[in-house]
mmCIF file of all heavy atoms, coordinates in Angstrom:
data_MODEL
# 
_entry.id   MODEL 
# 
loop_
_atom_site.group_PDB 
_atom_site.id 
_atom_site.type_symbol 
_atom_site.label_atom_id 
_atom_site.label_alt_id 
_atom_site.label_comp_id 
_atom_site.label_asym_id 
_atom_site.label_entity_id 
_atom_site.label_seq_id 
_atom_site.pdbx_PDB_ins_code 
_atom_site.Cartn_x 
_atom_site.Cartn_y 
_atom_site.Cartn_z 
_atom_site.occupancy 
_atom_site.B_iso_or_equiv 
_atom_site.pdbx_formal_charge 
_atom_site.auth_seq_id 
_atom_site.auth_comp_id 
_atom_site.auth_asym_id 
_atom_site.auth_atom_id 
_atom_site.pdbx_PDB_model_num 
ATOM 1   N N   . VAL A 1 1  ? 0.901   -1.211  -0.035  1.00 0.00 ? 1  VAL A N   1 
ATOM 2   C CA  . VAL A 1 1  ? -0.011  0.023   0.003   1.00 0.00 ? 1  VAL A CA  1 
ATOM 3   C C   . VAL A 1 1  ? 0.858   1.219   0.003   1.00 0.00 ? 1  VAL A C   1 
ATOM 4   O O   . VAL A 1 1  ? 1.859   1.313   0.708   1.00 0.00 ? 1  VAL A O   1 
ATOM 5   C CB  . VAL A 1 1  ? -0.933  0.044   1.216   1.00 0.00 ? 1  VAL A CB  1 
ATOM 6   C CG1 . VAL A 1 1  ? -1.823  1.284   1.289   1.00 0.00 ? 1  VAL A CG1 1 
ATOM 7   C CG2 . VAL A 1 1  ? -1.789  -1.213  1.268   1.00 0.00 ? 1  VAL A CG2 1 
ATOM 8   N N   . VAL A 1 2  ? 0.522   2.216   -0.819  1.00 0.00 ? 2  VAL A N   1 
ATOM 9   C CA  . VAL A 1 2  ? 1.296   3.450   -0.936  1.00 0.00 ? 2  VAL A CA  1 
ATOM 10  C C   . VAL A 1 2  ? 0.408   4.609   -0.505  1.00 0.00 ? 2  VAL A C   1 
ATOM 11  O O   . VAL A 1 2  ? -0.816  4.516   -0.501  1.00 0.00 ? 2  VAL A O   1 
ATOM 12  C CB  . VAL A 1 2  ? 1.908   3.648   -2.321  1.00 0.00 ? 2  VAL A CB  1 
ATOM 13  C CG1 . VAL A 1 2  ? 2.881   2.537   -2.613  1.00 0.00 ? 2  VAL A CG1 1 
ATOM 14  C CG2 . VAL A 1 2  ? 0.771   3.665   -3.350  1.00 0.00 ? 2  VAL A CG2 1 
ATOM 15  N N   . GLN A 1 3  ? 1.053   5.789   -0.304  1.00 0.00 ? 3  GLN A N   1 
ATOM 16  C CA  . GLN A 1 3  ? 0.322   7.012   0.046   1.00 0.00 ? 3  GLN A CA  1 
ATOM 17  C C   . GLN A 1 3  ? -0.447  7.557   -1.151  1.00 0.00 ? 3  GLN A C   1 
ATOM 18  O O   . GLN A 1 3  ? 0.050   7.564   -2.260  1.00 0.00 ? 3  GLN A O   1 
ATOM 19  C CB  . GLN A 1 3  ? 1.264   8.040   0.577   1.00 0.00 ? 3  GLN A CB  1 
ATOM 20  C CG  . GLN A 1 3  ? 1.831   7.747   1.950   1.00 0.00 ? 3  GLN A CG  1 
ATOM 21  C CD  . GLN A 1 3  ? 0.757   7.747   2.990   1.00 0.00 ? 3  GLN A CD  1 
ATOM 22  O OE1 . GLN A 1 3  ? -0.108  8.601   3.049   1.00 0.00 ? 3  GLN A OE1 1 
ATOM 23  N NE2 . GLN A 1 3  ? 0.808   6.773   3.876   1.00 0.00 ? 3  GLN A NE2 1 
ATOM 24  N N   . PRO A 1 4  ? -1.639  8.062   -0.942  1.00 0.00 ? 4  PRO A N   1 
ATOM 25  C CA  . PRO A 1 4  ? -2.379  8.668   -2.031  1.00 0.00 ? 4  PRO A CA  1 
ATOM 26  C C   . PRO A 1 4  ? -1.829  10.009  -2.468  1.00 0.00 ? 4  PRO A C   1 
ATOM 27  O O   . PRO A 1 4  ? -1.219  10.714  -1.631  1.00 0.00 ? 4  PRO A O   1 
ATOM 28  C CB  . PRO A 1 4  ? -3.832  8.783   -1.499  1.00 0.00 ? 4  PRO A CB  1 
ATOM 29  C CG  . PRO A 1 4  ? -3.616  8.899   -0.017  1.00 0.00 ? 4  PRO A CG  1 
ATOM 30  C CD  . PRO A 1 4  ? -2.417  8.033   0.315   1.00 0.00 ? 4  PRO A CD  1 
ATOM 31  N N   . THR A 1 5  ? -1.933  10.315  -3.783  1.00 0.00 ? 5  THR A N   1 
ATOM 32  C CA  . THR A 1 5  ? -1.623  11.687  -4.201  1.00 0.00 ? 5  THR A CA  1 
ATOM 33  C C   . THR A 1 5  ? -2.680  12.680  -3.717  1.00 0.00 ? 5  THR A C   1 
ATOM 34  O O   . THR A 1 5  ? -3.740  12.263  -3.246  1.00 0.00 ? 5  THR A O   1 
ATOM 35  C CB  . THR A 1 5  ? -1.556  11.733  -5.715  1.00 0.00 ? 5  THR A CB  1 
ATOM 36  O OG1 . THR A 1 5  ? -2.895  11.530  -6.216  1.00 0.00 ? 5  THR A OG1 1 
ATOM 37  C CG2 . THR A 1 5  ? -0.561  10.706  -6.257  1.00 0.00 ? 5  THR A CG2 1 
ATOM 38  N N   . PRO A 1 6  ? -2.394  13.977  -3.752  1.00 0.00 ? 6  PRO A N   1 
ATOM 39  C CA  . PRO A 1 6  ? -3.413  14.921  -3.358  1.00 0.00 ? 6  PRO A CA  1 
ATOM 40  C C   . PRO A 1 6  ? -4.748  14.777  -4.125  1.00 0.00 ? 6  PRO A C   1 
ATOM 41  O O   . PRO A 1 6  ? -5.797  14.892  -3.566  1.00 0.00 ? 6  PRO A O   1 
ATOM 42  C CB  . PRO A 1 6  ? -2.709  16.275  -3.626  1.00 0.00 ? 6  PRO A CB  1 
ATOM 43  C CG  . PRO A 1 6  ? -1.281  16.048  -3.475  1.00 0.00 ? 6  PRO A CG  1 
ATOM 44  C CD  . PRO A 1 6  ? -1.107  14.660  -4.022  1.00 0.00 ? 6  PRO A CD  1 
ATOM 45  N N   . GLU A 1 7  ? -4.624  14.485  -5.425  1.00 0.00 ? 7  GLU A N   1 
ATOM 46  C CA  . GLU A 1 7  ? -5.812  14.268  -6.201  1.00 0.00 ? 7  GLU A CA  1 
ATOM 47  C C   . GLU A 1 7  ? -6.596  13.051  -5.760  1.00 0.00 ? 7  GLU A C   1 
ATOM 48  O O   . GLU A 1 7  ? -7.838  13.046  -5.663  1.00 0.00 ? 7  GLU A O   1 
ATOM 49  C CB  . GLU A 1 7  ? -5.398  14.089  -7.673  1.00 0.00 ? 7  GLU A CB  1 
ATOM 50  C CG  . GLU A 1 7  ? -6.502  13.705  -8.647  1.00 0.00 ? 7  GLU A CG  1 
ATOM 51  C CD  . GLU A 1 7  ? -7.575  14.850  -8.858  1.00 0.00 ? 7  GLU A CD  1 
ATOM 52  O OE1 . GLU A 1 7  ? -7.290  15.948  -8.529  1.00 0.00 ? 7  GLU A OE1 1 
ATOM 53  O OE2 . GLU A 1 7  ? -8.612  14.511  -9.467  1.00 0.00 ? 7  GLU A OE2 1 
ATOM 54  N N   . GLU A 1 8  ? -5.852  11.977  -5.483  1.00 0.00 ? 8  GLU A N   1 
ATOM 55  C CA  . GLU A 1 8  ? -6.504  10.746  -5.013  1.00 0.00 ? 8  GLU A CA  1 
ATOM 56  C C   . GLU A 1 8  ? -7.160  10.954  -3.636  1.00 0.00 ? 8  GLU A C   1 
ATOM 57  O O   . GLU A 1 8  ? -8.306  10.491  -3.377  1.00 0.00 ? 8  GLU A O   1 
ATOM 58  C CB  . GLU A 1 8  ? -5.544  9.573   -4.979  1.00 0.00 ? 8  GLU A CB  1 
ATOM 59  C CG  . GLU A 1 8  ? -5.077  9.156   -6.349  1.00 0.00 ? 8  GLU A CG  1 
ATOM 60  C CD  . GLU A 1 8  ? -3.793  8.281   -6.321  1.00 0.00 ? 8  GLU A CD  1 
ATOM 61  O OE1 . GLU A 1 8  ? -3.063  8.353   -5.268  1.00 0.00 ? 8  GLU A OE1 1 
ATOM 62  O OE2 . GLU A 1 8  ? -3.513  7.598   -7.308  1.00 0.00 ? 8  GLU A OE2 1 
ATOM 63  N N   . ALA A 1 9  ? -6.466  11.634  -2.731  1.00 0.00 ? 9  ALA A N   1 
ATOM 64  C CA  . ALA A 1 9  ? -6.952  11.929  -1.417  1.00 0.00 ? 9  ALA A CA  1 
ATOM 65  C C   . ALA A 1 9  ? -8.206  12.840  -1.486  1.00 0.00 ? 9  ALA A C   1 
ATOM 66  O O   . ALA A 1 9  ? -9.100  12.670  -0.651  1.00 0.00 ? 9  ALA A O   1 
ATOM 67  C CB  . ALA A 1 9  ? -5.882  12.581  -0.554  1.00 0.00 ? 9  ALA A CB  1 
ATOM 68  N N   . PHE A 1 10 ? -8.244  13.746  -2.454  1.00 0.00 ? 10 PHE A N   1 
ATOM 69  C CA  . PHE A 1 10 ? -9.408  14.620  -2.579  1.00 0.00 ? 10 PHE A CA  1 
ATOM 70  C C   . PHE A 1 10 ? -10.637 13.811  -2.853  1.00 0.00 ? 10 PHE A C   1 
ATOM 71  O O   . PHE A 1 10 ? -11.767 14.160  -2.387  1.00 0.00 ? 10 PHE A O   1 
ATOM 72  C CB  . PHE A 1 10 ? -9.161  15.606  -3.757  1.00 0.00 ? 10 PHE A CB  1 
ATOM 73  C CG  . PHE A 1 10 ? -10.339 16.492  -4.015  1.00 0.00 ? 10 PHE A CG  1 
ATOM 74  C CD1 . PHE A 1 10 ? -10.563 17.624  -3.281  1.00 0.00 ? 10 PHE A CD1 1 
ATOM 75  C CD2 . PHE A 1 10 ? -11.215 16.216  -5.054  1.00 0.00 ? 10 PHE A CD2 1 
ATOM 76  C CE1 . PHE A 1 10 ? -11.664 18.453  -3.467  1.00 0.00 ? 10 PHE A CE1 1 
ATOM 77  C CE2 . PHE A 1 10 ? -12.307 17.009  -5.277  1.00 0.00 ? 10 PHE A CE2 1 
ATOM 78  C CZ  . PHE A 1 10 ? -12.517 18.117  -4.518  1.00 0.00 ? 10 PHE A CZ  1 
ATOM 79  N N   . TRP A 1 11 ? -10.505 12.688  -3.611  1.00 0.00 ? 11 TRP A N   1 
ATOM 80  C CA  . TRP A 1 11 ? -11.665 11.826  -3.905  1.00 0.00 ? 11 TRP A CA  1 
ATOM 81  C C   . TRP A 1 11 ? -11.802 10.703  -2.909  1.00 0.00 ? 11 TRP A C   1 
ATOM 82  O O   . TRP A 1 11 ? -12.424 9.677   -3.225  1.00 0.00 ? 11 TRP A O   1 
ATOM 83  C CB  . TRP A 1 11 ? -11.563 11.313  -5.326  1.00 0.00 ? 11 TRP A CB  1 
ATOM 84  C CG  . TRP A 1 11 ? -11.704 12.374  -6.352  1.00 0.00 ? 11 TRP A CG  1 
ATOM 85  C CD1 . TRP A 1 11 ? -10.766 12.807  -7.191  1.00 0.00 ? 11 TRP A CD1 1 
ATOM 86  C CD2 . TRP A 1 11 ? -12.941 13.090  -6.662  1.00 0.00 ? 11 TRP A CD2 1 
ATOM 87  N NE1 . TRP A 1 11 ? -11.284 13.808  -7.962  1.00 0.00 ? 11 TRP A NE1 1 
ATOM 88  C CE2 . TRP A 1 11 ? -12.583 14.006  -7.699  1.00 0.00 ? 11 TRP A CE2 1 
ATOM 89  C CE3 . TRP A 1 11 ? -14.192 13.068  -6.158  1.00 0.00 ? 11 TRP A CE3 1 
ATOM 90  C CZ2 . TRP A 1 11 ? -13.546 14.860  -8.255  1.00 0.00 ? 11 TRP A CZ2 1 
ATOM 91  C CZ3 . TRP A 1 11 ? -15.162 13.986  -6.700  1.00 0.00 ? 11 TRP A CZ3 1 
ATOM 92  C CH2 . TRP A 1 11 ? -14.818 14.852  -7.737  1.00 0.00 ? 11 TRP A CH2 1 
ATOM 93  N N   . GLY A 1 12 ? -11.232 10.862  -1.718  1.00 0.00 ? 12 GLY A N   1 
ATOM 94  C CA  . GLY A 1 12 ? -11.498 9.954   -0.665  1.00 0.00 ? 12 GLY A CA  1 
ATOM 95  C C   . GLY A 1 12 ? -10.705 8.650   -0.637  1.00 0.00 ? 12 GLY A C   1 
ATOM 96  O O   . GLY A 1 12 ? -11.078 7.729   0.056   1.00 0.00 ? 12 GLY A O   1 
ATOM 97  N N   . ALA A 1 13 ? -9.619  8.641   -1.410  1.00 0.00 ? 13 ALA A N   1 
ATOM 98  C CA  . ALA A 1 13 ? -8.781  7.443   -1.399  1.00 0.00 ? 13 ALA A CA  1 
ATOM 99  C C   . ALA A 1 13 ? -7.925  7.404   -0.135  1.00 0.00 ? 13 ALA A C   1 
ATOM 100 O O   . ALA A 1 13 ? -6.888  8.044   -0.138  1.00 0.00 ? 13 ALA A O   1 
ATOM 101 C CB  . ALA A 1 13 ? -7.957  7.354   -2.655  1.00 0.00 ? 13 ALA A CB  1 
ATOM 102 N N   . GLY A 1 14 ? -8.353  6.734   0.929   1.00 0.00 ? 14 GLY A N   1 
ATOM 103 C CA  . GLY A 1 14 ? -7.562  6.676   2.117   1.00 0.00 ? 14 GLY A CA  1 
ATOM 104 C C   . GLY A 1 14 ? -6.348  5.847   1.979   1.00 0.00 ? 14 GLY A C   1 
ATOM 105 O O   . GLY A 1 14 ? -5.345  5.993   2.675   1.00 0.00 ? 14 GLY A O   1 
ATOM 106 N N   . LYS A 1 15 ? -6.398  4.906   1.008   1.00 0.00 ? 15 LYS A N   1 
ATOM 107 C CA  . LYS A 1 15 ? -5.215  4.075   0.712   1.00 0.00 ? 15 LYS A CA  1 
ATOM 108 C C   . LYS A 1 15 ? -5.166  3.826   -0.752  1.00 0.00 ? 15 LYS A C   1 
ATOM 109 O O   . LYS A 1 15 ? -6.167  3.845   -1.497  1.00 0.00 ? 15 LYS A O   1 
ATOM 110 C CB  . LYS A 1 15 ? -5.235  2.767   1.479   1.00 0.00 ? 15 LYS A CB  1 
ATOM 111 C CG  . LYS A 1 15 ? -6.321  1.803   1.030   1.00 0.00 ? 15 LYS A CG  1 
ATOM 112 C CD  . LYS A 1 15 ? -6.117  0.400   1.674   1.00 0.00 ? 15 LYS A CD  1 
ATOM 113 C CE  . LYS A 1 15 ? -7.110  -0.516  1.170   1.00 0.00 ? 15 LYS A CE  1 
ATOM 114 N NZ  . LYS A 1 15 ? -6.941  -1.920  1.757   1.00 0.00 ? 15 LYS A NZ  1 
ATOM 115 N N   . VAL A 1 16 ? -3.983  3.576   -1.285  1.00 0.00 ? 16 VAL A N   1 
ATOM 116 C CA  . VAL A 1 16 ? -3.741  3.196   -2.714  1.00 0.00 ? 16 VAL A CA  1 
ATOM 117 C C   . VAL A 1 16 ? -3.001  1.924   -2.734  1.00 0.00 ? 16 VAL A C   1 
ATOM 118 O O   . VAL A 1 16 ? -1.875  1.799   -2.264  1.00 0.00 ? 16 VAL A O   1 
ATOM 119 C CB  . VAL A 1 16 ? -2.950  4.306   -3.463  1.00 0.00 ? 16 VAL A CB  1 
ATOM 120 C CG1 . VAL A 1 16 ? -2.712  3.905   -4.879  1.00 0.00 ? 16 VAL A CG1 1 
ATOM 121 C CG2 . VAL A 1 16 ? -3.735  5.636   -3.364  1.00 0.00 ? 16 VAL A CG2 1 
ATOM 122 N N   . GLU A 1 17 ? -3.581  0.874   -3.296  1.00 0.00 ? 17 GLU A N   1 
ATOM 123 C CA  . GLU A 1 17 ? -2.938  -0.432  -3.420  1.00 0.00 ? 17 GLU A CA  1 
ATOM 124 C C   . GLU A 1 17 ? -1.933  -0.352  -4.625  1.00 0.00 ? 17 GLU A C   1 
ATOM 125 O O   . GLU A 1 17 ? -2.228  0.183   -5.674  1.00 0.00 ? 17 GLU A O   1 
ATOM 126 C CB  . GLU A 1 17 ? -3.917  -1.473  -3.669  1.00 0.00 ? 17 GLU A CB  1 
ATOM 127 C CG  . GLU A 1 17 ? -4.939  -1.635  -2.545  1.00 0.00 ? 17 GLU A CG  1 
ATOM 128 C CD  . GLU A 1 17 ? -6.111  -2.579  -2.816  1.00 0.00 ? 17 GLU A CD  1 
ATOM 129 O OE1 . GLU A 1 17 ? -6.141  -3.111  -3.973  1.00 0.00 ? 17 GLU A OE1 1 
ATOM 130 O OE2 . GLU A 1 17 ? -6.967  -2.784  -1.932  1.00 0.00 ? 17 GLU A OE2 1 
ATOM 131 N N   . SER A 1 18 ? -0.804  -0.987  -4.421  1.00 0.00 ? 18 SER A N   1 
ATOM 132 C CA  . SER A 1 18 ? 0.268   -0.959  -5.461  1.00 0.00 ? 18 SER A CA  1 
ATOM 133 C C   . SER A 1 18 ? 0.392   -2.389  -5.973  1.00 0.00 ? 18 SER A C   1 
ATOM 134 O O   . SER A 1 18 ? 0.500   -3.335  -5.163  1.00 0.00 ? 18 SER A O   1 
ATOM 135 C CB  . SER A 1 18 ? 1.584   -0.478  -4.856  1.00 0.00 ? 18 SER A CB  1 
ATOM 136 O OG  . SER A 1 18 ? 2.578   -0.390  -5.898  1.00 0.00 ? 18 SER A OG  1 
ATOM 137 N N   . TYR A 1 19 ? 0.470   -2.520  -7.306  1.00 0.00 ? 19 TYR A N   1 
ATOM 138 C CA  . TYR A 1 19 ? 0.610   -3.795  -7.946  1.00 0.00 ? 19 TYR A CA  1 
ATOM 139 C C   . TYR A 1 19 ? 1.764   -3.789  -8.964  1.00 0.00 ? 19 TYR A C   1 
ATOM 140 O O   . TYR A 1 19 ? 2.089   -2.760  -9.551  1.00 0.00 ? 19 TYR A O   1 
ATOM 141 C CB  . TYR A 1 19 ? -0.712  -4.170  -8.685  1.00 0.00 ? 19 TYR A CB  1 
ATOM 142 C CG  . TYR A 1 19 ? -1.839  -4.403  -7.747  1.00 0.00 ? 19 TYR A CG  1 
ATOM 143 C CD1 . TYR A 1 19 ? -2.676  -3.351  -7.245  1.00 0.00 ? 19 TYR A CD1 1 
ATOM 144 C CD2 . TYR A 1 19 ? -2.200  -5.703  -7.342  1.00 0.00 ? 19 TYR A CD2 1 
ATOM 145 C CE1 . TYR A 1 19 ? -3.693  -3.563  -6.412  1.00 0.00 ? 19 TYR A CE1 1 
ATOM 146 C CE2 . TYR A 1 19 ? -3.216  -5.924  -6.447  1.00 0.00 ? 19 TYR A CE2 1 
ATOM 147 C CZ  . TYR A 1 19 ? -3.984  -4.846  -5.963  1.00 0.00 ? 19 TYR A CZ  1 
ATOM 148 O OH  . TYR A 1 19 ? -5.013  -5.031  -5.106  1.00 0.00 ? 19 TYR A OH  1 
ATOM 149 N N   . LYS A 1 20 ? 2.366   -4.965  -9.144  1.00 0.00 ? 20 LYS A N   1 
ATOM 150 C CA  . LYS A 1 20 ? 3.514   -5.087  -10.001 1.00 0.00 ? 20 LYS A CA  1 
ATOM 151 C C   . LYS A 1 20 ? 3.142   -5.992  -11.176 1.00 0.00 ? 20 LYS A C   1 
ATOM 152 O O   . LYS A 1 20 ? 2.545   -7.052  -10.898 1.00 0.00 ? 20 LYS A O   1 
ATOM 153 C CB  . LYS A 1 20 ? 4.745   -5.614  -9.303  1.00 0.00 ? 20 LYS A CB  1 
ATOM 154 C CG  . LYS A 1 20 ? 6.020   -5.479  -10.161 1.00 0.00 ? 20 LYS A CG  1 
ATOM 155 C CD  . LYS A 1 20 ? 7.216   -5.872  -9.270  1.00 0.00 ? 20 LYS A CD  1 
ATOM 156 C CE  . LYS A 1 20 ? 8.543   -5.782  -10.011 1.00 0.00 ? 20 LYS A CE  1 
ATOM 157 N NZ  . LYS A 1 20 ? 9.685   -6.177  -9.145  1.00 0.00 ? 20 LYS A NZ  1 
ATOM 158 N N   . CYS A 1 21 ? 3.490   -5.636  -12.427 1.00 0.00 ? 21 CYS A N   1 
ATOM 159 C CA  . CYS A 1 21 ? 3.106   -6.466  -13.617 1.00 0.00 ? 21 CYS A CA  1 
ATOM 160 C C   . CYS A 1 21 ? 3.984   -7.670  -13.678 1.00 0.00 ? 21 CYS A C   1 
ATOM 161 O O   . CYS A 1 21 ? 5.170   -7.618  -13.443 1.00 0.00 ? 21 CYS A O   1 
ATOM 162 C CB  . CYS A 1 21 ? 3.285   -5.619  -14.841 1.00 0.00 ? 21 CYS A CB  1 
ATOM 163 S SG  . CYS A 1 21 ? 2.847   -6.516  -16.377 1.00 0.00 ? 21 CYS A SG  1 
ATOM 164 N N   . GLN A 1 22 ? 3.333   -8.821  -13.934 1.00 0.00 ? 22 GLN A N   1 
ATOM 165 C CA  . GLN A 1 22 ? 4.108   -10.041 -14.090 1.00 0.00 ? 22 GLN A CA  1 
ATOM 166 C C   . GLN A 1 22 ? 4.837   -10.106 -15.380 1.00 0.00 ? 22 GLN A C   1 
ATOM 167 O O   . GLN A 1 22 ? 5.759   -10.926 -15.519 1.00 0.00 ? 22 GLN A O   1 
ATOM 168 C CB  . GLN A 1 22 ? 3.066   -11.237 -14.060 1.00 0.00 ? 22 GLN A CB  1 
ATOM 169 C CG  . GLN A 1 22 ? 2.339   -11.389 -12.725 1.00 0.00 ? 22 GLN A CG  1 
ATOM 170 C CD  . GLN A 1 22 ? 1.344   -12.486 -12.722 1.00 0.00 ? 22 GLN A CD  1 
ATOM 171 O OE1 . GLN A 1 22 ? 1.153   -13.191 -13.738 1.00 0.00 ? 22 GLN A OE1 1 
ATOM 172 N NE2 . GLN A 1 22 ? 0.686   -12.740 -11.558 1.00 0.00 ? 22 GLN A NE2 1 
ATOM 173 N N   . ASN A 1 23 ? 4.449   -9.220  -16.315 1.00 0.00 ? 23 ASN A N   1 
ATOM 174 C CA  . ASN A 1 23 ? 5.136   -9.242  -17.640 1.00 0.00 ? 23 ASN A CA  1 
ATOM 175 C C   . ASN A 1 23 ? 6.225   -8.151  -17.780 1.00 0.00 ? 23 ASN A C   1 
ATOM 176 O O   . ASN A 1 23 ? 7.388   -8.488  -17.951 1.00 0.00 ? 23 ASN A O   1 
ATOM 177 C CB  . ASN A 1 23 ? 4.083   -9.058  -18.730 1.00 0.00 ? 23 ASN A CB  1 
ATOM 178 C CG  . ASN A 1 23 ? 4.646   -9.090  -20.152 1.00 0.00 ? 23 ASN A CG  1 
ATOM 179 O OD1 . ASN A 1 23 ? 5.599   -9.806  -20.419 1.00 0.00 ? 23 ASN A OD1 1 
ATOM 180 N ND2 . ASN A 1 23 ? 4.101   -8.278  -21.045 1.00 0.00 ? 23 ASN A ND2 1 
ATOM 181 N N   . CYS A 1 24 ? 5.793   -6.916  -17.654 1.00 0.00 ? 24 CYS A N   1 
ATOM 182 C CA  . CYS A 1 24 ? 6.748   -5.817  -17.904 1.00 0.00 ? 24 CYS A CA  1 
ATOM 183 C C   . CYS A 1 24 ? 7.405   -5.307  -16.615 1.00 0.00 ? 24 CYS A C   1 
ATOM 184 O O   . CYS A 1 24 ? 8.408   -4.535  -16.696 1.00 0.00 ? 24 CYS A O   1 
ATOM 185 C CB  . CYS A 1 24 ? 6.104   -4.658  -18.613 1.00 0.00 ? 24 CYS A CB  1 
ATOM 186 S SG  . CYS A 1 24 ? 4.891   -3.754  -17.669 1.00 0.00 ? 24 CYS A SG  1 
ATOM 187 N N   . GLY A 1 25 ? 6.908   -5.702  -15.457 1.00 0.00 ? 25 GLY A N   1 
ATOM 188 C CA  . GLY A 1 25 ? 7.501   -5.296  -14.182 1.00 0.00 ? 25 GLY A CA  1 
ATOM 189 C C   . GLY A 1 25 ? 7.141   -3.927  -13.673 1.00 0.00 ? 25 GLY A C   1 
ATOM 190 O O   . GLY A 1 25 ? 7.587   -3.483  -12.593 1.00 0.00 ? 25 GLY A O   1 
ATOM 191 N N   . LYS A 1 26 ? 6.384   -3.170  -14.494 1.00 0.00 ? 26 LYS A N   1 
ATOM 192 C CA  . LYS A 1 26 ? 5.947   -1.824  -14.061 1.00 0.00 ? 26 LYS A CA  1 
ATOM 193 C C   . LYS A 1 26 ? 4.896   -1.855  -13.008 1.00 0.00 ? 26 LYS A C   1 
ATOM 194 O O   . LYS A 1 26 ? 4.123   -2.820  -12.912 1.00 0.00 ? 26 LYS A O   1 
ATOM 195 C CB  . LYS A 1 26 ? 5.498   -1.006  -15.240 1.00 0.00 ? 26 LYS A CB  1 
ATOM 196 C CG  . LYS A 1 26 ? 6.653   -0.741  -16.237 1.00 0.00 ? 26 LYS A CG  1 
ATOM 197 C CD  . LYS A 1 26 ? 6.132   0.187   -17.401 1.00 0.00 ? 26 LYS A CD  1 
ATOM 198 C CE  . LYS A 1 26 ? 7.276   0.530   -18.326 1.00 0.00 ? 26 LYS A CE  1 
ATOM 199 N NZ  . LYS A 1 26 ? 6.785   1.389   -19.464 1.00 0.00 ? 26 LYS A NZ  1 
ATOM 200 N N   . LYS A 1 27 ? 4.751   -0.740  -12.227 1.00 0.00 ? 27 LYS A N   1 
ATOM 201 C CA  . LYS A 1 27 ? 3.845   -0.726  -11.099 1.00 0.00 ? 27 LYS A CA  1 
ATOM 202 C C   . LYS A 1 27 ? 2.552   0.001   -11.517 1.00 0.00 ? 27 LYS A C   1 
ATOM 203 O O   . LYS A 1 27 ? 2.534   0.966   -12.272 1.00 0.00 ? 27 LYS A O   1 
ATOM 204 C CB  . LYS A 1 27 ? 4.446   -0.028  -9.906  1.00 0.00 ? 27 LYS A CB  1 
ATOM 205 C CG  . LYS A 1 27 ? 5.646   -0.777  -9.335  1.00 0.00 ? 27 LYS A CG  1 
ATOM 206 C CD  . LYS A 1 27 ? 6.217   -0.024  -8.109  1.00 0.00 ? 27 LYS A CD  1 
ATOM 207 C CE  . LYS A 1 27 ? 7.433   -0.785  -7.588  1.00 0.00 ? 27 LYS A CE  1 
ATOM 208 N NZ  . LYS A 1 27 ? 8.046   -0.034  -6.438  1.00 0.00 ? 27 LYS A NZ  1 
ATOM 209 N N   . THR A 1 28 ? 1.455   -0.497  -11.026 1.00 0.00 ? 28 THR A N   1 
ATOM 210 C CA  . THR A 1 28 ? 0.095   0.082   -11.301 1.00 0.00 ? 28 THR A CA  1 
ATOM 211 C C   . THR A 1 28 ? -0.529  0.461   -9.922  1.00 0.00 ? 28 THR A C   1 
ATOM 212 O O   . THR A 1 28 ? -0.544  -0.350  -9.009  1.00 0.00 ? 28 THR A O   1 
ATOM 213 C CB  . THR A 1 28 ? -0.818  -0.881  -12.041 1.00 0.00 ? 28 THR A CB  1 
ATOM 214 O OG1 . THR A 1 28 ? -0.231  -1.114  -13.331 1.00 0.00 ? 28 THR A OG1 1 
ATOM 215 C CG2 . THR A 1 28 ? -2.205  -0.325  -12.150 1.00 0.00 ? 28 THR A CG2 1 
# 
């Protein structure tokens, strides 16, 4: 879990789940 950006927090995102791609390795 990562910290929300100000924009995400504005829309009530108390937490942001972080995921890693099994193919390209980038984070979503």
